[in-house]
Structures are given as structure tokens and as C-alpha cells.
Protein backbone atom coordinates (compact mmCIF):
# COMPACT_ATOMS: atom_id res chain seq x y z
CA MET A 1 94.63 62.51 278.58
CA LYS A 2 96.97 59.60 277.81
CA ARG A 3 100.10 62.10 277.96
CA ARG A 4 99.01 63.24 281.02
CA ILE A 5 98.92 59.56 282.29
CA VAL A 6 102.59 59.15 280.76
CA ILE A 7 103.90 62.22 282.03
CA ILE A 8 102.26 61.23 285.66
CA THR A 9 104.24 57.65 285.57
CA VAL A 10 107.12 59.47 284.43
CA LEU A 11 107.44 61.85 287.18
CA LEU A 12 106.28 59.08 289.82
CA CYS A 13 109.05 56.48 288.56
CA LEU A 14 111.92 59.38 288.68
CA ALA A 15 110.82 60.39 292.21
CA GLY A 16 110.60 56.86 293.51
CA GLY A 17 113.91 56.30 292.30
CA ALA A 18 115.00 59.88 293.55
CA ALA A 19 114.15 58.54 296.99
CA PHE A 20 116.03 55.95 297.22
CA ALA A 21 119.09 57.24 295.32
CA ILE A 22 119.68 59.93 298.18
CA ASP A 23 120.71 56.81 300.06
CA ALA A 24 122.00 54.37 297.66
CA LEU A 25 124.42 56.75 295.67
CA LEU A 26 126.06 57.79 298.96
CA PRO A 27 129.64 55.88 299.01
CA ASN A 28 129.70 52.65 301.09
CA ASP A 29 126.53 53.71 302.41
CA ALA A 30 123.64 52.02 300.71
CA THR A 31 122.04 48.39 301.01
CA PRO A 32 122.31 45.92 297.96
CA LEU A 33 118.41 46.38 297.97
CA GLN A 34 119.03 50.09 297.81
CA VAL A 35 121.15 49.89 294.74
CA VAL A 36 119.04 47.44 293.07
CA VAL A 37 115.92 49.46 293.30
CA VAL A 38 117.57 52.57 292.38
CA ARG A 39 118.62 50.69 288.98
CA LYS A 40 115.15 49.33 288.73
CA SER A 41 113.59 52.63 289.18
CA ALA A 42 115.80 54.16 286.54
CA MET A 43 114.84 51.56 283.77
CA GLN A 44 111.25 52.01 284.49
CA ALA A 45 111.93 55.95 284.06
CA PHE A 46 113.77 55.32 280.76
CA ASN A 47 110.94 53.02 279.61
CA ALA A 48 108.42 55.81 280.43
CA LEU A 49 110.84 58.82 279.06
CA LEU A 50 111.32 56.83 275.61
CA GLY A 51 107.76 55.88 275.17
CA ASP A 52 106.89 59.51 275.95
CA ALA A 53 109.44 60.67 273.44
CA LYS A 54 108.23 58.33 270.75
CA ALA A 55 104.33 59.54 271.29
CA LYS A 56 105.82 63.20 271.10
CA LEU A 57 107.63 62.10 267.91
CA ALA A 58 104.55 60.75 266.56
CA ALA A 59 102.34 63.83 267.16
CA GLY A 60 105.13 66.15 265.47
CA ALA A 61 105.99 67.82 268.72
CA ILE A 62 109.66 67.60 267.84
CA LYS A 63 111.26 70.51 270.07
CA THR A 64 109.47 68.98 273.03
CA LEU A 65 111.44 65.64 272.79
CA SER A 66 114.46 67.49 274.61
CA PRO A 67 113.54 67.47 278.35
CA ASN A 68 113.04 63.47 277.45
CA ALA A 69 116.58 63.46 275.63
CA LYS A 70 118.14 65.42 278.95
CA ALA A 71 116.46 62.79 281.26
CA ILE A 72 117.73 59.75 279.40
CA ALA A 73 121.12 61.35 279.35
CA ALA A 74 121.50 61.96 283.13
CA ILE A 75 119.90 58.24 283.45
CA ALA A 76 122.74 57.27 281.38
CA ALA A 77 125.38 59.14 283.09
CA MET A 78 124.25 57.89 286.47
CA LEU A 79 124.06 53.99 285.37
CA PRO A 80 127.85 53.35 286.01
CA HIS A 81 127.99 54.32 289.34
CA VAL A 82 125.41 51.82 290.24
CA PHE A 83 126.04 48.86 288.12
CA THR A 84 129.22 48.34 290.06
CA ASP A 85 128.46 44.97 291.60
CA THR A 86 125.67 42.48 290.87
CA PHE A 87 124.17 42.31 294.01
CA SER A 88 122.78 38.64 293.49
CA SER A 89 121.65 38.05 296.84
CA VAL A 90 118.59 40.40 296.45
CA TYR A 91 117.01 39.14 293.66
CA PRO A 92 114.27 38.60 292.49
CA VAL A 93 113.35 42.00 293.00
CA GLY A 94 109.49 43.07 292.94
CA GLY A 95 108.63 39.95 291.22
CA SER A 96 111.16 41.13 288.49
CA LYS A 97 113.03 38.35 286.48
CA MET A 98 115.54 40.35 285.25
CA PHE A 99 118.91 40.96 286.94
CA PHE A 100 122.18 42.26 286.57
CA LYS A 101 124.67 39.42 285.81
CA GLY A 102 127.61 41.50 285.50
CA GLY A 103 130.70 42.03 283.42
CA ALA A 104 133.89 44.04 282.66
CA VAL A 105 133.36 47.22 283.94
CA ALA A 106 134.96 49.13 281.39
CA ASP A 107 132.52 47.28 278.66
CA PHE A 108 129.64 48.55 280.96
CA ARG A 109 131.10 52.08 280.99
CA ASN A 110 131.54 51.97 277.30
CA ALA A 111 127.67 50.67 276.81
CA ALA A 112 126.49 53.57 279.09
CA GLN A 113 128.45 56.28 277.12
CA VAL A 114 127.04 55.21 274.13
CA LEU A 115 123.37 55.59 275.33
CA LEU A 116 124.60 58.94 276.88
CA THR A 117 125.95 60.48 273.27
CA ALA A 118 122.83 58.97 271.59
CA ALA A 119 120.90 60.68 274.26
CA GLU A 120 122.80 64.12 273.83
CA ASP A 121 122.45 63.72 269.91
CA LEU A 122 118.56 63.33 270.36
CA VAL A 123 119.12 66.77 272.58
CA LYS A 124 120.68 68.18 269.33
CA PHE A 125 117.95 67.31 266.97
CA ALA A 126 115.01 67.94 269.02
CA ASP A 127 116.40 71.66 270.10
CA ALA A 128 116.80 71.96 266.14
CA ASP A 129 113.38 70.82 265.36
CA ASP A 130 114.55 68.00 263.07
CA LYS A 131 112.19 65.45 262.65
CA ALA A 132 114.12 62.74 260.54
CA ASN A 133 117.18 63.12 262.72
CA ALA A 134 115.31 62.87 265.80
CA GLU A 135 113.21 59.83 264.65
CA THR A 136 116.39 58.03 263.52
CA GLN A 137 117.99 59.16 266.94
CA ILE A 138 115.38 57.48 268.86
CA GLY A 139 116.03 54.24 267.16
CA LYS A 140 119.61 54.54 267.79
CA VAL A 141 118.92 55.28 271.81
CA GLN A 142 116.64 52.39 272.04
CA ALA A 143 119.27 49.95 270.45
CA SER A 144 121.92 51.17 272.72
CA CYS A 145 119.58 50.21 275.72
CA GLY A 146 118.84 47.15 274.15
CA ALA A 147 122.81 46.50 273.15
CA CYS A 148 123.18 46.65 277.08
CA HIS A 149 120.93 44.43 278.06
CA GLY A 150 121.85 41.64 275.66
CA THR A 151 125.31 41.56 277.50
CA PHE A 152 124.62 42.57 280.86
CA ARG A 153 120.85 41.54 281.68
CA GLY A 154 120.12 38.12 282.67
CA GLN A 155 116.81 36.29 283.19
CA GLN A 156 115.87 34.01 285.94
């Protein structure tokens, strides 16, 4: 039952983000609020995907981690496209105290690439049913997320 709730949460987060992404990812055609909502939805989806991946790992269902890792890789590939501006005028959004404080574009792209590579490696370990390396790799995925937050995320 708990797993079903996690899956439903992930799907709702992805659907919510996708609804806004349709407009937000069109060049020069999105409002700052739309872009920020997409960013926040991507972070919520990432957290749900990572939490579900950890539950799958704990249950020993290693091969089932692959879709989670692929979805995280997709989010990582999208991030540099929606984190080009701080859009500080629209915060706080949805009661969140977190915001994108900006930084060098190249640094952000590099951080997103680290996450993407970590997720792609997790796909390989999951597909190979390699529990030991998948466990280590989930830690690397989470650490790459935390490293980016440490540099680019501010709190009000």
C-alpha cells in the first residue's frame, strides 16, 4: 500500500510539472512564475523518485530502480534549461522558503551534468541487478543533488 502511494505521488508530481512545462519550456513564452513552478515540481518529483528508489533498494528489487534513475536523468537534463534566471520577484512560491539564488551558468551546467552522470550510472547498476553498486550510486545521486543545493539554493 505504501509503495502504491509513493508511485501515485511520483506520477502526480510529474503530471503537475508536465502541465506547466508545456508553456514554461517554450522559448520566450513563459512567465517567471511558470518557470519557478516547473522547477519546484521537478525537485518534488526528484525527491519522490529518490525515496521510491531507496525503498526498492531496501526491498531488494534492484532492477526496478532503472525507471527511477532514468526519470532522475531526464530531470537532470532539463534543469539547465529552467535555471537560467533567478526570477526572485516571484518568491516565495507555494509557501516554500527555498529559492534559486543564481550563480555562474557553467557551474550550474556542470552540477546538473554530475547529477545526470550519477543517474545514468545508477541505470547501469540497476539493469545489471548489482545491489552493492546501486546502493553506493544512490548515495552519489543524492550527494550530487545536495552539492548543487549547497551552491545554488537560498533560504528566506
